[in-house]
Amino acid sequence: MKALVAVKRVIDYNVKARVKSDGTGIDLAGVKMSMNPFDEIAVEEAVRLKEAGVVTEVVAVSIGVPACQETLRTAMALGADRGVLIETAAEIEPLHVAKLLKALVDTEQPQLVFLGKQAIDDDAGQTGQMLAALLRWPQATFASKVTLAGGAVEVTREVDGGLETLALDLPAVVTVDLRLNSPRYATLPNIMKAKKKPIDTIAAASLGVDLAPRTQLLKISEPKARAGGVKVPDVAALTSKLKTEAKVI
């Protein structure tokens, strides 16, 4: 069984994103980039299934500029067998990503596709659902537990009322949540081994997907600075401020 895992190159979660002075986007100059944390969890789950003997091959795929190869090397250091880079310099949206992934799935023929439930840069949370719709495959989102057995995958997912367990026939698309697992650290020997693992590069234009933008970015601005809090001597003063200043009661 082959598992395909989509990984995205994003600003490292420890870095504070800064808006460009003209408001046209995020300033990426000299900023540390890394793998999207939710995608790291997806890689870890696929690798664990391989270690359990359920999955035979884990293929990591990323979409973007040549620097995305670093993200694929990270995935391979965590245990992925090989990488595929769909290269494009275009600003791609979730639907573009889903269509490009579908084209790759048609070629690779995996039985299971893992994605993070969302990326921490755009927080869209749409790609997995769109991919499943394009493939006409069953899907399970926000997975907190994944079990493979007998040609099916059982997924426990978090919902507003608690937990929901779904049984999906393979092939299927699964997006993962934070509580699914704790990703391992890449060891130095595995980092060195990852340098020798193959990465195939495919031009996005060759996949026949229209990458014309469907949305227009008007402006990006940082949130307003929050005012400092104040201390009040008693409940009466607090009530007065809530009523007269905050006007919430």
Protein backbone atom coordinates (compact mmCIF):
# COMPACT_ATOMS: atom_id res chain seq x y z
CA MET A 1 0.00 0.00 0.00
CA LYS A 2 1.32 3.42 -0.98
CA ALA A 3 0.69 6.53 1.10
CA LEU A 4 1.05 10.02 -0.35
CA VAL A 5 1.68 12.90 2.07
CA ALA A 6 1.39 16.54 1.06
CA VAL A 7 3.81 18.90 2.84
CA LYS A 8 3.94 22.68 2.66
CA ARG A 9 6.83 25.10 3.19
CA VAL A 10 5.71 27.87 5.55
CA ILE A 11 7.20 30.44 7.90
CA ASP A 12 8.48 28.64 10.98
CA TYR A 13 5.87 28.71 13.73
CA ASN A 14 8.38 30.30 16.14
CA VAL A 15 8.86 33.32 13.87
CA LYS A 16 6.63 36.38 14.12
CA ALA A 17 5.35 37.19 10.64
CA ARG A 18 5.84 40.81 9.56
CA VAL A 19 3.78 42.63 6.96
CA LYS A 20 5.52 44.47 4.13
CA SER A 21 5.49 48.24 4.46
CA ASP A 22 3.26 48.60 1.39
CA GLY A 23 0.74 46.04 2.70
CA THR A 24 1.09 43.77 -0.33
CA GLY A 25 2.08 40.65 1.57
CA ILE A 26 4.27 39.05 4.23
CA ASP A 27 7.96 39.91 4.33
CA LEU A 28 9.86 36.63 3.76
CA ALA A 29 13.35 38.15 3.43
CA GLY A 30 15.74 36.31 5.74
CA VAL A 31 12.87 34.52 7.49
CA LYS A 32 13.30 30.93 8.66
CA MET A 33 11.04 28.52 6.77
CA SER A 34 10.01 25.02 7.82
CA MET A 35 7.42 22.31 7.26
CA ASN A 36 3.84 23.12 8.20
CA PRO A 37 3.35 21.53 11.68
CA PHE A 38 0.13 19.73 10.70
CA ASP A 39 1.91 18.22 7.68
CA GLU A 40 4.69 17.02 9.98
CA ILE A 41 2.05 15.08 11.91
CA ALA A 42 0.76 13.63 8.62
CA VAL A 43 4.27 12.44 7.71
CA GLU A 44 4.72 10.89 11.15
CA GLU A 45 1.44 8.96 10.86
CA ALA A 46 2.31 7.61 7.42
CA VAL A 47 5.75 6.54 8.64
CA ARG A 48 4.25 4.83 11.68
CA LEU A 49 1.91 2.87 9.42
CA LYS A 50 4.91 1.85 7.34
CA GLU A 51 6.80 0.74 10.45
CA ALA A 52 3.74 -1.31 11.43
CA GLY A 53 3.93 -3.10 8.08
CA VAL A 54 0.62 -1.73 6.80
CA VAL A 55 2.07 0.80 4.33
CA THR A 56 4.87 -0.23 1.98
CA GLU A 57 5.92 3.19 0.61
CA VAL A 58 5.57 6.78 1.79
CA VAL A 59 5.83 9.49 -0.87
CA ALA A 60 6.09 13.15 0.18
CA VAL A 61 4.93 15.83 -2.24
CA SER A 62 5.33 19.59 -2.08
CA ILE A 63 4.22 22.35 -4.44
CA GLY A 64 6.16 25.56 -4.98
CA VAL A 65 9.60 26.94 -5.66
CA PRO A 66 12.83 24.86 -5.73
CA ALA A 67 13.46 25.74 -2.06
CA CYS A 68 10.59 23.38 -1.22
CA GLN A 69 13.10 20.57 -1.72
CA GLU A 70 14.35 21.39 1.79
CA THR A 71 10.88 20.57 3.12
CA LEU A 72 10.87 17.30 1.19
CA ARG A 73 14.32 16.44 2.59
CA THR A 74 12.91 17.00 6.06
CA ALA A 75 10.01 14.65 5.30
CA MET A 76 12.44 12.01 4.05
CA ALA A 77 14.61 12.44 7.15
CA LEU A 78 11.48 11.67 9.17
CA GLY A 79 10.96 8.46 7.21
CA ALA A 80 9.40 9.19 3.79
CA ASP A 81 10.92 7.04 1.03
CA ARG A 82 11.03 9.61 -1.74
CA GLY A 83 9.84 13.08 -2.66
CA VAL A 84 8.03 14.78 -5.52
CA LEU A 85 8.25 18.52 -6.14
CA ILE A 86 5.59 20.08 -8.33
CA GLU A 87 7.52 23.20 -9.24
CA THR A 88 5.83 26.54 -9.79
CA ALA A 89 6.54 30.16 -8.91
CA ALA A 90 2.87 31.10 -9.09
CA GLU A 91 0.87 32.17 -6.06
CA ILE A 92 -1.34 29.13 -5.70
CA GLU A 93 -4.64 28.81 -3.87
CA PRO A 94 -6.19 25.74 -2.18
CA LEU A 95 -8.14 24.76 -5.31
CA HIS A 96 -4.95 24.92 -7.39
CA VAL A 97 -3.19 22.71 -4.85
CA ALA A 98 -6.05 20.21 -4.86
CA LYS A 99 -6.04 19.99 -8.67
CA LEU A 100 -2.26 19.56 -8.83
CA LEU A 101 -2.40 16.86 -6.16
CA LYS A 102 -5.19 15.10 -8.06
CA ALA A 103 -3.02 15.02 -11.18
CA LEU A 104 -0.20 13.47 -9.15
CA VAL A 105 -2.54 10.97 -7.48
CA ASP A 106 -3.72 9.86 -10.92
CA THR A 107 -0.08 9.07 -11.74
CA GLU A 108 1.15 7.65 -8.42
CA GLN A 109 -2.05 5.69 -7.60
CA PRO A 110 -1.71 5.77 -3.78
CA GLN A 111 -4.32 4.07 -1.63
CA LEU A 112 -4.16 6.72 1.09
CA VAL A 113 -3.49 10.47 0.97
CA PHE A 114 -2.56 12.31 4.16
CA LEU A 115 -2.65 16.09 4.55
CA GLY A 116 -2.49 18.46 7.49
CA LYS A 117 -5.94 19.81 8.34
CA GLN A 118 -4.69 23.34 7.54
CA ALA A 119 -1.56 25.37 6.88
CA ILE A 120 -0.46 27.90 9.50
CA ASP A 121 0.14 30.64 6.91
CA ASP A 122 -3.27 30.97 5.25
CA ASP A 123 -5.33 28.84 7.72
CA ALA A 124 -7.64 27.92 4.84
CA GLY A 125 -8.30 24.29 5.80
CA GLN A 126 -9.77 23.52 2.37
CA THR A 127 -7.29 21.47 0.34
CA GLY A 128 -8.06 18.00 1.70
CA GLN A 129 -11.79 18.39 1.21
CA MET A 130 -11.36 19.74 -2.32
CA LEU A 131 -8.97 16.93 -3.23
CA ALA A 132 -11.41 14.28 -2.00
CA ALA A 133 -14.21 15.86 -4.04
CA LEU A 134 -12.09 15.97 -7.21
CA LEU A 135 -11.01 12.35 -6.74
CA ARG A 136 -14.51 11.25 -5.67
CA TRP A 137 -12.87 9.47 -2.73
CA PRO A 138 -14.22 9.19 0.82
CA GLN A 139 -12.65 11.62 3.28
CA ALA A 140 -12.13 12.05 7.01
CA THR A 141 -10.99 15.38 8.42
CA PHE A 142 -9.42 16.44 11.74
CA ALA A 143 -8.24 12.88 12.46
CA SER A 144 -7.09 12.19 16.02
CA LYS A 145 -6.69 8.41 15.48
CA VAL A 146 -6.12 6.35 12.33
CA THR A 147 -6.36 2.54 12.05
CA LEU A 148 -5.89 0.54 8.85
CA ALA A 149 -7.31 -2.96 8.52
CA GLY A 150 -8.90 -5.14 5.84
CA GLY A 151 -8.82 -2.67 2.96
CA ALA A 152 -10.45 0.09 5.01
CA VAL A 153 -9.35 2.91 7.27
CA GLU A 154 -11.03 3.74 10.56
CA VAL A 155 -10.66 7.36 11.60
CA THR A 156 -11.59 8.95 14.91
CA ARG A 157 -12.15 12.67 14.53
CA GLU A 158 -12.98 15.52 16.87
CA VAL A 159 -16.36 17.19 16.51
CA ASP A 160 -18.18 19.79 18.60
CA GLY A 161 -19.99 17.17 20.64
CA GLY A 162 -16.97 14.93 21.30
CA LEU A 163 -15.53 12.20 19.06
CA GLU A 164 -16.84 10.65 15.87
CA THR A 165 -15.50 7.43 14.34
CA LEU A 166 -15.76 6.83 10.59
CA ALA A 167 -14.95 3.75 8.53
CA LEU A 168 -13.81 4.54 4.99
CA ASP A 169 -13.18 2.23 2.06
CA LEU A 170 -9.79 2.71 0.45
CA PRO A 171 -8.58 4.71 -1.39
CA ALA A 172 -9.31 7.66 0.88
CA VAL A 173 -8.18 11.14 1.90
CA VAL A 174 -7.40 11.89 5.56
CA THR A 175 -6.53 15.28 7.07
CA VAL A 176 -4.85 15.16 10.47
CA ASP A 177 -5.20 17.14 13.68
CA LEU A 178 -2.71 17.99 16.42
CA ARG A 179 -3.70 15.19 18.77
CA LEU A 180 -3.05 12.39 16.28
CA ASN A 181 0.61 11.96 17.29
CA SER A 182 3.82 13.68 18.33
CA PRO A 183 6.26 13.86 15.40
CA ARG A 184 9.73 12.46 15.96
CA TYR A 185 12.91 14.50 15.66
CA ALA A 186 15.04 13.84 12.60
CA THR A 187 18.30 12.21 13.70
CA LEU A 188 21.61 13.14 12.09
CA PRO A 189 22.02 9.71 10.41
CA ASN A 190 18.52 9.99 8.92
CA ILE A 191 19.22 13.56 7.75
CA MET A 192 22.32 12.26 5.95
CA LYS A 193 20.36 9.33 4.44
CA ALA A 194 17.64 11.75 3.25
CA LYS A 195 20.20 13.55 1.08
CA LYS A 196 20.54 10.39 -1.02
CA LYS A 197 16.83 9.71 -1.40
CA PRO A 198 15.34 10.68 -4.78
CA ILE A 199 13.26 13.79 -5.45
CA ASP A 200 11.37 13.94 -8.74
CA THR A 201 10.63 17.42 -10.08
CA ILE A 202 7.53 17.99 -12.19
CA ALA A 203 6.67 21.31 -13.83
CA ALA A 204 3.22 22.39 -12.71
CA ALA A 205 2.49 23.59 -16.25
CA SER A 206 2.89 20.01 -17.52
CA LEU A 207 -0.04 18.80 -15.41
CA GLY A 208 -2.60 20.81 -17.34
CA VAL A 209 -3.93 22.77 -14.36
CA ASP A 210 -5.02 26.38 -14.81
CA LEU A 211 -3.18 28.34 -12.12
CA ALA A 212 -4.84 31.68 -12.84
CA PRO A 213 -5.78 33.36 -9.53
CA ARG A 214 -9.43 33.24 -8.51
CA THR A 215 -9.10 35.72 -5.67
CA GLN A 216 -7.44 39.11 -5.40
CA LEU A 217 -5.41 40.19 -2.39
CA LEU A 218 -6.33 43.78 -1.61
CA LYS A 219 -4.28 44.46 1.49
CA ILE A 220 -2.59 42.81 4.45
CA SER A 221 -2.30 44.69 7.72
CA GLU A 222 -1.13 43.82 11.19
CA PRO A 223 -3.72 43.73 13.99
CA LYS A 224 -4.01 46.86 16.10
CA ALA A 225 -1.86 46.94 19.19
CA ARG A 226 -3.82 45.97 22.28
CA ALA A 227 -4.11 48.56 25.04
CA GLY A 228 -2.74 47.66 28.45
CA GLY A 229 -5.07 46.50 31.19
CA VAL A 230 -5.94 48.43 34.34
CA LYS A 231 -6.50 47.38 37.91
CA VAL A 232 -9.69 48.29 39.70
CA PRO A 233 -10.12 48.49 43.47
CA ASP A 234 -13.41 46.63 43.72
CA VAL A 235 -16.35 45.06 41.89
CA ALA A 236 -18.28 48.33 41.79
CA ALA A 237 -15.47 50.05 39.89
CA LEU A 238 -15.21 47.10 37.50
CA THR A 239 -18.94 47.21 36.82
CA SER A 240 -18.78 50.94 36.22
CA LYS A 241 -15.96 50.62 33.68
CA LEU A 242 -17.71 47.77 31.86
CA LYS A 243 -20.83 49.88 31.64
CA THR A 244 -19.46 53.34 30.86
CA GLU A 245 -16.17 52.64 29.03
CA ALA A 246 -16.38 49.18 27.48
CA LYS A 247 -20.16 49.44 27.07
CA VAL A 248 -20.59 45.66 27.29
CA ILE A 249 -23.23 45.70 30.02
